[in-house]
Amino acid sequence: MHSLARRLAGSLLLFWLVLTLTFALVRAAPGDATLLLVAPTAAGGEIARTRARLGLDAPLAVQYARWSRSVLKGDLGASFVTGRSVTSTLRETLPVSLWLGGVSLLLSFAIGVGLGAAQAVRRG
């Protein structure tokens, strides 16, 4: 029972670290997401309103709390490019991605075992 509790605590810690690192890396990326959504000739007021709408005007701790709460609920936000929900896009594309990954894994396994067997037959 002690081992199970230790593993659960380790898993929760790892999940929190991945969540925090993801948030930090997105915030550390160069550029400003707001500038992708407004026209290049936009006035400062429009940029400020867009930042407020996205919640980017809040302190970093508040942004992290909002973002992590949304991620834990399964809400990954909307794409800046298409405007569609990221969760629904992932839901649509995940089966094809898993199929492609599975096929490539099976092919690489089969080729690797075949080459390994061929090399084992040939000594030296």
Protein backbone atom coordinates (compact mmCIF):
# COMPACT_ATOMS: atom_id res chain seq x y z
CA MET A 1 0.00 0.00 0.00
CA HIS A 2 2.90 2.32 0.80
CA SER A 3 4.38 1.70 -2.66
CA LEU A 4 1.08 2.53 -4.35
CA ALA A 5 0.80 5.83 -2.46
CA ARG A 6 4.39 6.67 -3.35
CA ARG A 7 3.78 5.97 -7.05
CA LEU A 8 0.58 8.00 -7.03
CA ALA A 9 2.36 10.94 -5.40
CA GLY A 10 5.19 10.65 -7.91
CA SER A 11 2.72 10.58 -10.80
CA LEU A 12 0.92 13.67 -9.51
CA LEU A 13 4.22 15.48 -9.07
CA LEU A 14 5.30 14.56 -12.60
CA PHE A 15 1.95 15.73 -14.00
CA TRP A 16 2.29 19.06 -12.18
CA LEU A 17 5.87 19.48 -13.44
CA VAL A 18 4.85 18.80 -17.05
CA LEU A 19 1.91 21.20 -16.72
CA THR A 20 4.13 23.92 -15.25
CA LEU A 21 6.93 23.40 -17.76
CA THR A 22 4.47 23.56 -20.65
CA PHE A 23 3.06 26.84 -19.36
CA ALA A 24 6.55 28.27 -18.85
CA LEU A 25 7.76 27.27 -22.31
CA VAL A 26 4.71 28.76 -24.01
CA ARG A 27 5.20 32.02 -22.10
CA ALA A 28 8.95 32.05 -22.84
CA ALA A 29 8.43 31.70 -26.60
CA PRO A 30 9.44 34.77 -28.55
CA GLY A 31 6.74 37.05 -29.87
CA ASP A 32 3.33 38.07 -28.65
CA ALA A 33 0.21 36.03 -29.44
CA THR A 34 -1.83 39.22 -29.44
CA LEU A 35 0.02 40.52 -32.47
CA LEU A 36 -1.10 37.44 -34.43
CA LEU A 37 -4.75 38.31 -33.85
CA VAL A 38 -4.78 42.03 -34.61
CA ALA A 39 -3.97 43.88 -37.80
CA PRO A 40 -0.39 45.09 -38.18
CA THR A 41 -1.70 48.66 -38.21
CA ALA A 42 -3.79 48.21 -35.04
CA ALA A 43 -3.80 50.97 -32.49
CA GLY A 44 -2.52 50.46 -28.95
CA GLY A 45 -6.07 50.43 -27.58
CA GLU A 46 -7.09 47.53 -29.79
CA ILE A 47 -4.00 45.57 -28.77
CA ALA A 48 -4.74 46.24 -25.09
CA ARG A 49 -8.37 45.09 -25.51
CA THR A 50 -7.22 41.90 -27.23
CA ARG A 51 -4.70 41.22 -24.46
CA ALA A 52 -7.47 41.74 -21.88
CA ARG A 53 -9.83 39.41 -23.79
CA LEU A 54 -7.15 36.71 -23.83
CA GLY A 55 -6.33 37.27 -20.17
CA LEU A 56 -2.74 38.24 -20.96
CA ASP A 57 -3.02 41.45 -18.97
CA ALA A 58 -3.37 39.52 -15.68
CA PRO A 59 -0.39 38.70 -13.45
CA LEU A 60 1.52 35.55 -14.39
CA ALA A 61 0.28 33.61 -11.35
CA VAL A 62 -3.35 34.36 -12.28
CA GLN A 63 -2.69 33.32 -15.89
CA TYR A 64 -1.15 30.05 -14.66
CA ALA A 65 -4.11 29.33 -12.36
CA ARG A 66 -6.66 30.01 -15.13
CA TRP A 67 -4.71 28.01 -17.69
CA SER A 68 -4.14 24.98 -15.46
CA ARG A 69 -7.81 24.97 -14.38
CA SER A 70 -8.87 24.95 -18.05
CA VAL A 71 -6.42 22.18 -18.95
CA LEU A 72 -7.60 20.03 -16.04
CA LYS A 73 -11.18 20.45 -17.30
CA GLY A 74 -10.09 19.36 -20.78
CA ASP A 75 -10.51 22.81 -22.34
CA LEU A 76 -7.38 23.49 -24.39
CA GLY A 77 -8.72 26.74 -25.81
CA ALA A 78 -9.17 27.77 -29.42
CA SER A 79 -6.72 27.76 -32.29
CA PHE A 80 -5.39 31.19 -33.23
CA VAL A 81 -5.34 30.14 -36.88
CA THR A 82 -8.69 28.40 -37.38
CA GLY A 83 -10.64 29.61 -34.36
CA ARG A 84 -11.81 26.04 -33.72
CA SER A 85 -11.58 24.28 -30.37
CA VAL A 86 -8.22 22.53 -29.95
CA THR A 87 -9.91 19.67 -28.08
CA SER A 88 -12.33 18.98 -30.95
CA THR A 89 -9.49 19.18 -33.49
CA LEU A 90 -7.48 16.64 -31.45
CA ARG A 91 -10.55 14.43 -31.10
CA GLU A 92 -10.96 14.36 -34.89
CA THR A 93 -7.31 13.81 -35.79
CA LEU A 94 -6.17 11.49 -32.98
CA PRO A 95 -7.48 8.22 -34.50
CA VAL A 96 -5.57 8.78 -37.74
CA SER A 97 -2.42 9.79 -35.84
CA LEU A 98 -2.62 6.70 -33.63
CA TRP A 99 -3.15 4.47 -36.67
CA LEU A 100 -0.15 5.97 -38.46
CA GLY A 101 1.98 5.67 -35.33
CA GLY A 102 0.91 2.05 -34.80
CA VAL A 103 1.63 1.07 -38.40
CA SER A 104 5.05 2.73 -38.31
CA LEU A 105 5.84 1.00 -35.01
CA LEU A 106 4.88 -2.40 -36.42
CA LEU A 107 6.88 -1.81 -39.61
CA SER A 108 9.96 -0.68 -37.74
CA PHE A 109 9.67 -3.67 -35.40
CA ALA A 110 9.31 -6.11 -38.30
CA ILE A 111 12.20 -4.57 -40.23
CA GLY A 112 14.38 -4.44 -37.11
CA VAL A 113 13.71 -8.06 -36.18
CA GLY A 114 14.29 -9.14 -39.78
CA LEU A 115 17.59 -7.28 -40.04
CA GLY A 116 18.64 -8.51 -36.61
CA ALA A 117 17.89 -12.11 -37.57
CA ALA A 118 19.77 -11.72 -40.86
CA GLN A 119 22.79 -10.34 -39.03
CA ALA A 120 22.62 -13.11 -36.43
CA VAL A 121 22.76 -15.73 -39.17
CA ARG A 122 25.88 -14.13 -40.64
CA ARG A 123 28.71 -14.49 -38.20
CA GLY A 124 31.27 -11.69 -38.02
